[in-house]
């Protein structure tokens, strides 16, 4: 298989993408006003930036593992247009999506505040409640099923896959680390059971929820960048906000938990939510490791050297105690 980043930097791919962009802009009543720039290339996606007479437009193209993102964004925009932008155009077969530029993200526009984090986690929790009843549609779009009952078997598969890699591979799992993860399996099984039995429904887990994946549109927050999304326990979405705010002291954890709790307050108490979080931080690393493993499947050797430690590093977080 040709690595994704090599495919999307060929003249043939670029010509095909630009032709599609031109056609879709015409359909939308827009016209390009300058050169199209390939702003970023990663093993999992690339973006083309298009200046038009109606503002900047972005093309995002995804690798095979994240090919569901255009379909998912269409689905979410139809369900919650006040929180997710509708794409200008989507090519599901090629995993291409054309969207309007929204300017700077919330994280780029200012120094994050406690209120920013509170608004984000509360708005995401509200969206999760709306999406929870649409599981069949989300899974049919191609979003990975990482619900709690699936996690122990996924742990087994990740240990086997990473242990089998050559010792000099960036994602190689050492014999000692593999042994410790095997020994931690009962903890993963227990955490998955606790989450499966909890009052909170399985729903959409963003996968990378933070201020740099959110736009402020007037008084509303619009979410984007759903390539890491999973169908999982809702609390796994809080693992990234907790990690970010814990390391830079942006917001006290109890403030985030209180804000996230509000949309779920008829189902669980805040103390119950805090207890469930101790289980979510055990299952989330397994699912996060899986995401990295899948999205690096089309990486070059150099890209593996740059990002390849991520699957094993995230999987090892299963061994870390919950410090809250």
C-alpha atoms as a PDB file:
ATOM      1  CA  UNK A   1       0.000   0.000   0.000  1.00  0.00           C
ATOM      2  CA  UNK A   2       1.295   3.436  -0.929  1.00  0.00           C
ATOM      3  CA  UNK A   3       1.568   5.631   2.175  1.00  0.00           C
ATOM      4  CA  UNK A   4      -1.222   8.180   2.440  1.00  0.00           C
ATOM      5  CA  UNK A   5       1.111  11.190   2.593  1.00  0.00           C
ATOM      6  CA  UNK A   6       2.870  10.086  -0.584  1.00  0.00           C
ATOM      7  CA  UNK A   7      -0.412   9.595  -2.445  1.00  0.00           C
ATOM      8  CA  UNK A   8      -1.783  13.057  -1.577  1.00  0.00           C
ATOM      9  CA  UNK A   9       1.386  14.866  -2.641  1.00  0.00           C
ATOM     10  CA  UNK A  10       1.468  13.511  -6.172  1.00  0.00           C
ATOM     11  CA  UNK A  11       0.581  15.812  -9.106  1.00  0.00           C
ATOM     12  CA  UNK A  12      -2.146  13.354 -10.126  1.00  0.00           C
ATOM     13  CA  UNK A  13      -3.889  13.448  -6.756  1.00  0.00           C
ATOM     14  CA  UNK A  14      -3.560  17.215  -6.533  1.00  0.00           C
ATOM     15  CA  UNK A  15      -5.080  17.685  -9.995  1.00  0.00           C
ATOM     16  CA  UNK A  16      -7.981  15.369  -9.137  1.00  0.00           C
ATOM     17  CA  UNK A  17      -8.621  17.159  -5.847  1.00  0.00           C
ATOM     18  CA  UNK A  18      -8.473  20.632  -7.403  1.00  0.00           C
ATOM     19  CA  UNK A  19     -10.875  19.598 -10.167  1.00  0.00           C
ATOM     20  CA  UNK A  20     -13.344  18.349  -7.541  1.00  0.00           C
ATOM     21  CA  UNK A  21     -12.944  21.556  -5.538  1.00  0.00           C
ATOM     22  CA  UNK A  22     -13.651  23.693  -8.607  1.00  0.00           C
ATOM     23  CA  UNK A  23     -16.795  21.718  -9.407  1.00  0.00           C
ATOM     24  CA  UNK A  24     -18.102  21.916  -5.840  1.00  0.00           C
ATOM     25  CA  UNK A  25     -17.376  25.630  -5.560  1.00  0.00           C
ATOM     26  CA  UNK A  26     -19.402  26.220  -8.704  1.00  0.00           C
ATOM     27  CA  UNK A  27     -22.302  24.256  -7.251  1.00  0.00           C
ATOM     28  CA  UNK A  28     -22.082  26.396  -4.103  1.00  0.00           C
ATOM     29  CA  UNK A  29     -22.013  29.627  -6.142  1.00  0.00           C
ATOM     30  CA  UNK A  30     -18.384  30.346  -5.312  1.00  0.00           C
ATOM     31  CA  UNK A  31     -15.209  30.806  -7.323  1.00  0.00           C
ATOM     32  CA  UNK A  32     -11.550  30.468  -6.384  1.00  0.00           C
ATOM     33  CA  UNK A  33      -9.676  33.773  -6.290  1.00  0.00           C
ATOM     34  CA  UNK A  34      -6.123  32.520  -5.820  1.00  0.00           C
ATOM     35  CA  UNK A  35      -3.783  29.568  -5.708  1.00  0.00           C
ATOM     36  CA  UNK A  36      -4.765  26.502  -3.698  1.00  0.00           C
ATOM     37  CA  UNK A  37      -2.284  25.747  -0.914  1.00  0.00           C
ATOM     38  CA  UNK A  38      -1.618  22.374   0.685  1.00  0.00           C
ATOM     39  CA  UNK A  39      -1.311  23.610   4.241  1.00  0.00           C
ATOM     40  CA  UNK A  40      -0.583  20.365   6.062  1.00  0.00           C
ATOM     41  CA  UNK A  41       0.182  16.700   5.331  1.00  0.00           C
ATOM     42  CA  UNK A  42      -0.006  14.018   8.006  1.00  0.00           C
ATOM     43  CA  UNK A  43      -0.135  10.196   7.816  1.00  0.00           C
ATOM     44  CA  UNK A  44      -3.879  10.387   8.505  1.00  0.00           C
ATOM     45  CA  UNK A  45      -5.096  13.527   6.670  1.00  0.00           C
ATOM     46  CA  UNK A  46      -4.213  16.501   4.544  1.00  0.00           C
ATOM     47  CA  UNK A  47      -5.785  19.933   4.059  1.00  0.00           C
ATOM     48  CA  UNK A  48      -5.965  22.181   1.028  1.00  0.00           C
ATOM     49  CA  UNK A  49      -6.766  25.864   1.604  1.00  0.00           C
ATOM     50  CA  UNK A  50      -8.788  27.619  -1.098  1.00  0.00           C
ATOM     51  CA  UNK A  51      -9.304  31.418  -1.245  1.00  0.00           C
ATOM     52  CA  UNK A  52     -12.711  32.190  -2.795  1.00  0.00           C
ATOM     53  CA  UNK A  53     -14.942  35.181  -3.429  1.00  0.00           C
ATOM     54  CA  UNK A  54     -17.022  34.014  -0.500  1.00  0.00           C
ATOM     55  CA  UNK A  55     -14.206  33.477   1.980  1.00  0.00           C
ATOM     56  CA  UNK A  56     -11.623  30.781   2.572  1.00  0.00           C
ATOM     57  CA  UNK A  57     -12.684  27.148   2.045  1.00  0.00           C
ATOM     58  CA  UNK A  58     -10.892  24.013   3.237  1.00  0.00           C
ATOM     59  CA  UNK A  59     -10.642  20.561   1.675  1.00  0.00           C
ATOM     60  CA  UNK A  60      -9.849  17.809   4.147  1.00  0.00           C
ATOM     61  CA  UNK A  61      -8.907  14.375   2.831  1.00  0.00           C
ATOM     62  CA  UNK A  62      -8.668  11.418   5.220  1.00  0.00           C
ATOM     63  CA  UNK A  63      -6.777   8.145   5.315  1.00  0.00           C
ATOM     64  CA  UNK A  64      -8.684   4.864   5.225  1.00  0.00           C
ATOM     65  CA  UNK A  65      -9.014   4.546   9.019  1.00  0.00           C
ATOM     66  CA  UNK A  66     -10.600   7.993   9.298  1.00  0.00           C
ATOM     67  CA  UNK A  67     -12.609   7.902   6.081  1.00  0.00           C
ATOM     68  CA  UNK A  68     -15.814   8.117   8.125  1.00  0.00           C
ATOM     69  CA  UNK A  69     -15.270  11.759   9.125  1.00  0.00           C
ATOM     70  CA  UNK A  70     -17.121  13.455   6.220  1.00  0.00           C
ATOM     71  CA  UNK A  71     -20.163  11.211   6.696  1.00  0.00           C
ATOM     72  CA  UNK A  72     -20.081  11.760  10.450  1.00  0.00           C
ATOM     73  CA  UNK A  73     -19.874  15.532  10.123  1.00  0.00           C
ATOM     74  CA  UNK A  74     -22.844  15.522   7.741  1.00  0.00           C
ATOM     75  CA  UNK A  75     -24.812  13.450  10.237  1.00  0.00           C
ATOM     76  CA  UNK A  76     -23.927  15.686  13.188  1.00  0.00           C
ATOM     77  CA  UNK A  77     -24.659  18.871  11.246  1.00  0.00           C
ATOM     78  CA  UNK A  78     -28.122  17.568  10.438  1.00  0.00           C
ATOM     79  CA  UNK A  79     -28.692  16.677  14.069  1.00  0.00           C
ATOM     80  CA  UNK A  80     -27.133  19.749  15.705  1.00  0.00           C
ATOM     81  CA  UNK A  81     -26.558  22.574  13.182  1.00  0.00           C
ATOM     82  CA  UNK A  82     -25.970  24.991  16.057  1.00  0.00           C
ATOM     83  CA  UNK A  83     -22.917  22.966  17.165  1.00  0.00           C
ATOM     84  CA  UNK A  84     -21.488  21.377  13.993  1.00  0.00           C
ATOM     85  CA  UNK A  85     -21.067  23.065  10.594  1.00  0.00           C
ATOM     86  CA  UNK A  86     -22.613  21.429   7.560  1.00  0.00           C
ATOM     87  CA  UNK A  87     -19.957  20.682   4.918  1.00  0.00           C
ATOM     88  CA  UNK A  88     -20.194  22.547   1.636  1.00  0.00           C
ATOM     89  CA  UNK A  89     -19.612  19.246  -0.132  1.00  0.00           C
ATOM     90  CA  UNK A  90     -18.687  15.642   0.655  1.00  0.00           C
ATOM     91  CA  UNK A  91     -17.247  12.836  -1.463  1.00  0.00           C
ATOM     92  CA  UNK A  92     -17.844   9.760   0.679  1.00  0.00           C
ATOM     93  CA  UNK A  93     -16.006   7.351  -1.594  1.00  0.00           C
ATOM     94  CA  UNK A  94     -12.774   9.378  -1.497  1.00  0.00           C
ATOM     95  CA  UNK A  95     -13.268  10.621   2.098  1.00  0.00           C
ATOM     96  CA  UNK A  96     -13.112  14.262   1.027  1.00  0.00           C
ATOM     97  CA  UNK A  97     -14.911  17.132   2.705  1.00  0.00           C
ATOM     98  CA  UNK A  98     -15.164  20.815   1.805  1.00  0.00           C
ATOM     99  CA  UNK A  99     -15.916  23.254   4.644  1.00  0.00           C
ATOM    100  CA  UNK A 100     -15.988  27.004   5.205  1.00  0.00           C
ATOM    101  CA  UNK A 101     -13.228  28.641   7.211  1.00  0.00           C
ATOM    102  CA  UNK A 102     -14.358  29.793  10.667  1.00  0.00           C
ATOM    103  CA  UNK A 103     -11.254  31.809  11.510  1.00  0.00           C
ATOM    104  CA  UNK A 104      -9.173  31.183  14.612  1.00  0.00           C
ATOM    105  CA  UNK A 105     -10.129  28.360  16.950  1.00  0.00           C
ATOM    106  CA  UNK A 106     -11.058  29.190  20.512  1.00  0.00           C
ATOM    107  CA  UNK A 107      -7.603  28.122  21.660  1.00  0.00           C
ATOM    108  CA  UNK A 108      -5.882  30.252  19.022  1.00  0.00           C
ATOM    109  CA  UNK A 109      -7.978  33.346  19.622  1.00  0.00           C
ATOM    110  CA  UNK A 110      -7.115  33.896  23.287  1.00  0.00           C
ATOM    111  CA  UNK A 111      -5.545  32.464  26.409  1.00  0.00           C
ATOM    112  CA  UNK A 112      -7.937  29.728  27.593  1.00  0.00           C
ATOM    113  CA  UNK A 113      -9.995  30.469  30.669  1.00  0.00           C
ATOM    114  CA  UNK A 114     -11.883  28.309  33.145  1.00  0.00           C
ATOM    115  CA  UNK A 115     -15.116  29.495  31.545  1.00  0.00           C
ATOM    116  CA  UNK A 116     -13.909  28.414  28.088  1.00  0.00           C
ATOM    117  CA  UNK A 117     -13.285  24.874  29.323  1.00  0.00           C
ATOM    118  CA  UNK A 118     -16.569  24.775  31.210  1.00  0.00           C
ATOM    119  CA  UNK A 119     -18.493  25.849  28.100  1.00  0.00           C
ATOM    120  CA  UNK A 120     -16.749  23.290  25.905  1.00  0.00           C
ATOM    121  CA  UNK A 121     -17.300  20.244  28.088  1.00  0.00           C
ATOM    122  CA  UNK A 122     -20.911  21.230  28.839  1.00  0.00           C
ATOM    123  CA  UNK A 123     -21.709  21.827  25.161  1.00  0.00           C
ATOM    124  CA  UNK A 124     -20.085  18.532  24.190  1.00  0.00           C
ATOM    125  CA  UNK A 125     -22.013  16.631  26.856  1.00  0.00           C
ATOM    126  CA  UNK A 126     -25.239  18.148  25.527  1.00  0.00           C
ATOM    127  CA  UNK A 127     -24.343  17.036  21.996  1.00  0.00           C
ATOM    128  CA  UNK A 128     -23.522  13.563  23.280  1.00  0.00           C
ATOM    129  CA  UNK A 129     -26.996  13.241  24.777  1.00  0.00           C
ATOM    130  CA  UNK A 130     -28.543  14.220  21.455  1.00  0.00           C
ATOM    131  CA  UNK A 131     -26.412  11.701  19.542  1.00  0.00           C
ATOM    132  CA  UNK A 132     -26.850   8.799  21.967  1.00  0.00           C
ATOM    133  CA  UNK A 133     -30.066   7.625  20.321  1.00  0.00           C
ATOM    134  CA  UNK A 134     -28.474   7.647  16.858  1.00  0.00           C
ATOM    135  CA  UNK A 135     -26.011   4.833  17.396  1.00  0.00           C
ATOM    136  CA  UNK A 136     -26.986   2.840  14.330  1.00  0.00           C
ATOM    137  CA  UNK A 137     -26.498   5.857  12.049  1.00  0.00           C
ATOM    138  CA  UNK A 138     -23.139   6.723  13.640  1.00  0.00           C
ATOM    139  CA  UNK A 139     -21.837   3.173  13.331  1.00  0.00           C
ATOM    140  CA  UNK A 140     -23.159   2.885   9.775  1.00  0.00           C
ATOM    141  CA  UNK A 141     -21.102   5.992   8.946  1.00  0.00           C
ATOM    142  CA  UNK A 142     -18.023   3.946   9.813  1.00  0.00           C
ATOM    143  CA  UNK A 143     -17.213   5.255  13.291  1.00  0.00           C
ATOM    144  CA  UNK A 144     -15.369   2.537  15.272  1.00  0.00           C
ATOM    145  CA  UNK A 145     -17.416   0.704  17.903  1.00  0.00           C
ATOM    146  CA  UNK A 146     -15.369   1.109  21.081  1.00  0.00           C
ATOM    147  CA  UNK A 147     -18.200   0.625  23.572  1.00  0.00           C
ATOM    148  CA  UNK A 148     -17.145  -0.695  27.006  1.00  0.00           C
ATOM    149  CA  UNK A 149     -17.864  -4.397  26.288  1.00  0.00           C
ATOM    150  CA  UNK A 150     -15.438  -4.285  23.330  1.00  0.00           C
ATOM    151  CA  UNK A 151     -12.466  -2.931  25.311  1.00  0.00           C
ATOM    152  CA  UNK A 152     -10.937  -6.050  26.951  1.00  0.00           C
ATOM    153  CA  UNK A 153     -10.657  -7.882  23.631  1.00  0.00           C
ATOM    154  CA  UNK A 154      -9.176  -4.732  22.081  1.00  0.00           C
ATOM    155  CA  UNK A 155      -6.565  -4.649  24.815  1.00  0.00           C
ATOM    156  CA  UNK A 156      -5.611  -8.224  23.937  1.00  0.00           C
ATOM    157  CA  UNK A 157      -5.304  -7.393  20.251  1.00  0.00           C
ATOM    158  CA  UNK A 158      -3.185  -4.292  20.895  1.00  0.00           C
ATOM    159  CA  UNK A 159      -0.801  -6.180  23.181  1.00  0.00           C
ATOM    160  CA  UNK A 160      -0.348  -8.907  20.571  1.00  0.00           C
ATOM    161  CA  UNK A 161       0.096  -6.457  17.677  1.00  0.00           C
ATOM    162  CA  UNK A 162       2.580  -4.168  19.425  1.00  0.00           C
ATOM    163  CA  UNK A 163       4.558  -7.019  21.035  1.00  0.00           C
ATOM    164  CA  UNK A 164       5.034  -8.643  17.622  1.00  0.00           C
ATOM    165  CA  UNK A 165       6.789  -5.591  16.175  1.00  0.00           C
ATOM    166  CA  UNK A 166      10.588  -5.614  15.816  1.00  0.00           C
ATOM    167  CA  UNK A 167      12.403  -4.339  18.897  1.00  0.00           C
ATOM    168  CA  UNK A 168      13.642  -1.265  17.038  1.00  0.00           C
ATOM    169  CA  UNK A 169      10.122  -0.301  15.894  1.00  0.00           C
ATOM    170  CA  UNK A 170       8.833   2.878  17.599  1.00  0.00           C
ATOM    171  CA  UNK A 171       5.578   1.149  18.605  1.00  0.00           C
ATOM    172  CA  UNK A 172       7.215  -2.009  19.955  1.00  0.00           C
ATOM    173  CA  UNK A 173       5.866  -3.145  23.309  1.00  0.00           C
ATOM    174  CA  UNK A 174       8.621  -4.506  25.535  1.00  0.00           C
ATOM    175  CA  UNK A 175       8.243  -7.901  27.168  1.00  0.00           C
ATOM    176  CA  UNK A 176       8.030  -6.306  30.613  1.00  0.00           C
ATOM    177  CA  UNK A 177       5.390  -3.756  29.549  1.00  0.00           C
ATOM    178  CA  UNK A 178       3.355  -6.481  27.814  1.00  0.00           C
ATOM    179  CA  UNK A 179       3.491  -8.602  30.960  1.00  0.00           C
ATOM    180  CA  UNK A 180       2.302  -5.715  33.121  1.00  0.00           C
ATOM    181  CA  UNK A 181      -0.554  -4.998  30.721  1.00  0.00           C
ATOM    182  CA  UNK A 182      -1.603  -8.651  30.774  1.00  0.00           C
ATOM    183  CA  UNK A 183      -1.611  -8.507  34.559  1.00  0.00           C
ATOM    184  CA  UNK A 184      -3.752  -5.347  34.399  1.00  0.00           C
ATOM    185  CA  UNK A 185      -6.400  -7.040  32.254  1.00  0.00           C
ATOM    186  CA  UNK A 186      -8.738  -7.771  35.201  1.00  0.00           C
ATOM    187  CA  UNK A 187      -8.678  -4.050  35.974  1.00  0.00           C
ATOM    188  CA  UNK A 188      -9.702  -3.293  32.392  1.00  0.00           C
ATOM    189  CA  UNK A 189     -12.463  -5.907  32.529  1.00  0.00           C
ATOM    190  CA  UNK A 190     -13.781  -4.410  35.773  1.00  0.00           C
ATOM    191  CA  UNK A 191     -13.669  -0.855  34.390  1.00  0.00           C
ATOM    192  CA  UNK A 192     -15.482  -1.894  31.224  1.00  0.00           C
ATOM    193  CA  UNK A 193     -18.168  -3.626  33.297  1.00  0.00           C
ATOM    194  CA  UNK A 194     -18.630  -0.573  35.537  1.00  0.00           C
ATOM    195  CA  UNK A 195     -19.061   1.681  32.506  1.00  0.00           C
ATOM    196  CA  UNK A 196     -21.363  -0.774  30.713  1.00  0.00           C
ATOM    197  CA  UNK A 197     -23.575  -0.923  33.811  1.00  0.00           C
ATOM    198  CA  UNK A 198     -23.596   2.838  34.367  1.00  0.00           C
ATOM    199  CA  UNK A 199     -26.700   5.001  33.741  1.00  0.00           C
ATOM    200  CA  UNK A 200     -24.893   6.943  31.002  1.00  0.00           C
ATOM    201  CA  UNK A 201     -25.542   5.714  27.455  1.00  0.00           C
ATOM    202  CA  UNK A 202     -22.813   4.857  24.983  1.00  0.00           C
ATOM    203  CA  UNK A 203     -22.530   7.755  22.560  1.00  0.00           C
ATOM    204  CA  UNK A 204     -20.081   9.716  20.408  1.00  0.00           C
ATOM    205  CA  UNK A 205     -16.644  10.190  21.909  1.00  0.00           C
ATOM    206  CA  UNK A 206     -14.830  13.065  20.149  1.00  0.00           C
ATOM    207  CA  UNK A 207     -11.415  11.536  20.686  1.00  0.00           C
ATOM    208  CA  UNK A 208      -9.518  14.836  20.798  1.00  0.00           C
ATOM    209  CA  UNK A 209     -11.699  17.325  22.663  1.00  0.00           C
ATOM    210  CA  UNK A 210      -9.895  20.583  23.363  1.00  0.00           C
ATOM    211  CA  UNK A 211     -10.066  24.328  22.654  1.00  0.00           C
ATOM    212  CA  UNK A 212      -8.178  24.024  19.367  1.00  0.00           C
ATOM    213  CA  UNK A 213     -10.937  21.841  17.883  1.00  0.00           C
ATOM    214  CA  UNK A 214     -13.697  24.329  18.651  1.00  0.00           C
ATOM    215  CA  UNK A 215     -14.775  27.565  16.942  1.00  0.00           C
ATOM    216  CA  UNK A 216     -16.701  30.333  18.628  1.00  0.00           C
ATOM    217  CA  UNK A 217     -19.524  31.304  16.270  1.00  0.00           C
ATOM    218  CA  UNK A 218     -21.283  34.220  17.922  1.00  0.00           C
ATOM    219  CA  UNK A 219     -22.445  32.888  21.284  1.00  0.00           C
ATOM    220  CA  UNK A 220     -22.279  29.269  20.105  1.00  0.00           C
ATOM    221  CA  UNK A 221     -19.471  26.734  20.095  1.00  0.00           C
ATOM    222  CA  UNK A 222     -19.002  24.661  16.940  1.00  0.00           C
ATOM    223  CA  UNK A 223     -17.025  21.417  17.113  1.00  0.00           C
ATOM    224  CA  UNK A 224     -14.908  19.970  14.314  1.00  0.00           C
ATOM    225  CA  UNK A 225     -12.045  17.528  13.605  1.00  0.00           C
ATOM    226  CA  UNK A 226     -13.899  14.260  14.192  1.00  0.00           C
ATOM    227  CA  UNK A 227     -11.285  11.942  12.695  1.00  0.00           C
ATOM    228  CA  UNK A 228     -10.473  10.405  16.097  1.00  0.00           C
ATOM    229  CA  UNK A 229     -14.130   9.890  17.029  1.00  0.00           C
ATOM    230  CA  UNK A 230     -15.389   6.615  18.480  1.00  0.00           C
ATOM    231  CA  UNK A 231     -18.677   5.149  19.669  1.00  0.00           C
ATOM    232  CA  UNK A 232     -17.773   4.744  23.319  1.00  0.00           C
ATOM    233  CA  UNK A 233     -18.632   5.638  26.883  1.00  0.00           C
ATOM    234  CA  UNK A 234     -19.255   9.411  27.043  1.00  0.00           C
ATOM    235  CA  UNK A 235     -16.836  10.058  29.901  1.00  0.00           C
ATOM    236  CA  UNK A 236     -13.866   9.014  27.780  1.00  0.00           C
ATOM    237  CA  UNK A 237     -14.246  12.413  26.094  1.00  0.00           C
ATOM    238  CA  UNK A 238     -13.099  14.081  29.322  1.00  0.00           C
ATOM    239  CA  UNK A 239      -9.695  12.379  29.352  1.00  0.00           C
ATOM    240  CA  UNK A 240      -8.108  14.880  26.949  1.00  0.00           C
ATOM    241  CA  UNK A 241      -9.525  17.986  28.735  1.00  0.00           C
ATOM    242  CA  UNK A 242      -8.367  16.561  32.041  1.00  0.00           C
ATOM    243  CA  UNK A 243      -4.838  15.915  30.733  1.00  0.00           C
ATOM    244  CA  UNK A 244      -4.523  19.375  29.166  1.00  0.00           C
ATOM    245  CA  UNK A 245      -5.834  21.325  32.129  1.00  0.00           C
ATOM    246  CA  UNK A 246      -4.012  19.131  34.650  1.00  0.00           C
ATOM    247  CA  UNK A 247      -0.626  19.878  33.114  1.00  0.00           C
ATOM    248  CA  UNK A 248      -1.065  23.620  32.592  1.00  0.00           C
ATOM    249  CA  UNK A 249      -3.466  24.370  35.488  1.00  0.00           C
ATOM    250  CA  UNK A 250      -5.892  26.064  33.093  1.00  0.00           C
ATOM    251  CA  UNK A 251      -8.959  24.956  35.011  1.00  0.00           C
ATOM    252  CA  UNK A 252      -9.584  23.054  38.243  1.00  0.00           C
ATOM    253  CA  UNK A 253     -10.817  19.536  37.573  1.00  0.00           C
ATOM    254  CA  UNK A 254     -13.898  19.925  39.780  1.00  0.00           C
ATOM    255  CA  UNK A 255     -14.969  22.886  37.619  1.00  0.00           C
ATOM    256  CA  UNK A 256     -14.801  20.802  34.451  1.00  0.00           C
ATOM    257  CA  UNK A 257     -16.571  17.863  36.036  1.00  0.00           C
ATOM    258  CA  UNK A 258     -19.343  20.115  37.362  1.00  0.00           C
ATOM    259  CA  UNK A 259     -19.897  21.651  33.931  1.00  0.00           C
ATOM    260  CA  UNK A 260     -19.887  18.280  32.176  1.00  0.00           C
ATOM    261  CA  UNK A 261     -22.266  16.889  34.768  1.00  0.00           C
ATOM    262  CA  UNK A 262     -25.033  19.424  34.150  1.00  0.00           C
ATOM    263  CA  UNK A 263     -26.485  17.847  30.949  1.00  0.00           C
ATOM    264  CA  UNK A 264     -26.384  14.418  32.646  1.00  0.00           C
ATOM    265  CA  UNK A 265     -27.672  15.532  36.065  1.00  0.00           C
ATOM    266  CA  UNK A 266     -30.980  13.663  35.722  1.00  0.00           C
ATOM    267  CA  UNK A 267     -29.082  10.373  35.287  1.00  0.00           C
ATOM    268  CA  UNK A 268     -26.149  10.573  37.719  1.00  0.00           C
ATOM    269  CA  UNK A 269     -24.967  12.627  40.666  1.00  0.00           C
ATOM    270  CA  UNK A 270     -21.695  14.487  40.473  1.00  0.00           C
ATOM    271  CA  UNK A 271     -20.101  12.026  42.914  1.00  0.00           C
ATOM    272  CA  UNK A 272     -21.257   9.106  40.778  1.00  0.00           C
ATOM    273  CA  UNK A 273     -19.810  10.817  37.716  1.00  0.00           C
ATOM    274  CA  UNK A 274     -16.492  11.249  39.491  1.00  0.00           C
ATOM    275  CA  UNK A 275     -16.475   7.541  40.416  1.00  0.00           C
ATOM    276  CA  UNK A 276     -17.218   6.576  36.805  1.00  0.00           C
ATOM    277  CA  UNK A 277     -14.324   8.718  35.617  1.00  0.00           C
ATOM    278  CA  UNK A 278     -11.958   6.397  37.475  1.00  0.00           C
ATOM    279  CA  UNK A 279     -13.163   3.611  35.176  1.00  0.00           C
ATOM    280  CA  UNK A 280     -13.128   5.735  31.994  1.00  0.00           C
ATOM    281  CA  UNK A 281      -9.427   6.532  32.415  1.00  0.00           C
ATOM    282  CA  UNK A 282      -8.762   2.781  32.244  1.00  0.00           C
ATOM    283  CA  UNK A 283     -10.720   2.057  29.064  1.00  0.00           C
ATOM    284  CA  UNK A 284      -9.863   5.272  27.193  1.00  0.00           C
ATOM    285  CA  UNK A 285      -6.118   4.481  26.810  1.00  0.00           C
ATOM    286  CA  UNK A 286      -6.962   1.182  25.109  1.00  0.00           C
ATOM    287  CA  UNK A 287      -9.276   2.909  22.653  1.00  0.00           C
ATOM    288  CA  UNK A 288      -6.861   5.798  22.148  1.00  0.00           C
ATOM    289  CA  UNK A 289      -4.012   3.402  21.407  1.00  0.00           C
ATOM    290  CA  UNK A 290      -6.231   1.687  18.843  1.00  0.00           C
ATOM    291  CA  UNK A 291      -6.943   5.020  17.117  1.00  0.00           C
ATOM    292  CA  UNK A 292      -3.246   5.802  16.788  1.00  0.00           C
ATOM    293  CA  UNK A 293      -2.462   2.301  15.541  1.00  0.00           C
ATOM    294  CA  UNK A 294      -5.151   2.493  12.872  1.00  0.00           C
ATOM    295  CA  UNK A 295      -4.346   6.008  11.656  1.00  0.00           C
ATOM    296  CA  UNK A 296      -0.643   5.158  11.288  1.00  0.00           C
ATOM    297  CA  UNK A 297      -1.397   2.110   9.132  1.00  0.00           C
ATOM    298  CA  UNK A 298      -0.601   4.128   5.988  1.00  0.00           C
ATOM    299  CA  UNK A 299       2.447   5.935   7.425  1.00  0.00           C
ATOM    300  CA  UNK A 300       5.929   6.051   5.920  1.00  0.00           C
ATOM    301  CA  UNK A 301       8.967   4.847   7.832  1.00  0.00           C
ATOM    302  CA  UNK A 302       9.890   8.423   8.644  1.00  0.00           C
ATOM    303  CA  UNK A 303       6.354   9.125   9.906  1.00  0.00           C
ATOM    304  CA  UNK A 304       6.493   6.042  12.102  1.00  0.00           C
ATOM    305  CA  UNK A 305       9.701   7.388  13.602  1.00  0.00           C
ATOM    306  CA  UNK A 306       8.000  10.719  14.314  1.00  0.00           C
ATOM    307  CA  UNK A 307       4.650   9.505  15.695  1.00  0.00           C
ATOM    308  CA  UNK A 308       5.066   5.759  16.128  1.00  0.00           C
ATOM    309  CA  UNK A 309       5.603   5.690  19.872  1.00  0.00           C
ATOM    310  CA  UNK A 310       2.024   6.900  20.412  1.00  0.00           C
ATOM    311  CA  UNK A 311       0.188   3.519  20.325  1.00  0.00           C
ATOM    312  CA  UNK A 312       2.403   1.954  23.003  1.00  0.00           C
ATOM    313  CA  UNK A 313       2.567   5.145  25.069  1.00  0.00           C
ATOM    314  CA  UNK A 314      -1.210   5.500  25.232  1.00  0.00           C
ATOM    315  CA  UNK A 315      -1.718   1.814  25.928  1.00  0.00           C
ATOM    316  CA  UNK A 316       0.678   2.077  28.873  1.00  0.00           C
ATOM    317  CA  UNK A 317      -1.631   4.640  30.477  1.00  0.00           C
ATOM    318  CA  UNK A 318      -3.825   1.697  31.470  1.00  0.00           C
ATOM    319  CA  UNK A 319      -1.237   1.139  34.185  1.00  0.00           C
ATOM    320  CA  UNK A 320      -1.465   4.651  35.593  1.00  0.00           C
ATOM    321  CA  UNK A 321      -3.612   5.252  38.699  1.00  0.00           C
ATOM    322  CA  UNK A 322      -6.369   7.876  38.544  1.00  0.00           C
ATOM    323  CA  UNK A 323      -4.989  10.805  40.570  1.00  0.00           C
ATOM    324  CA  UNK A 324      -8.283  12.623  41.145  1.00  0.00           C
END
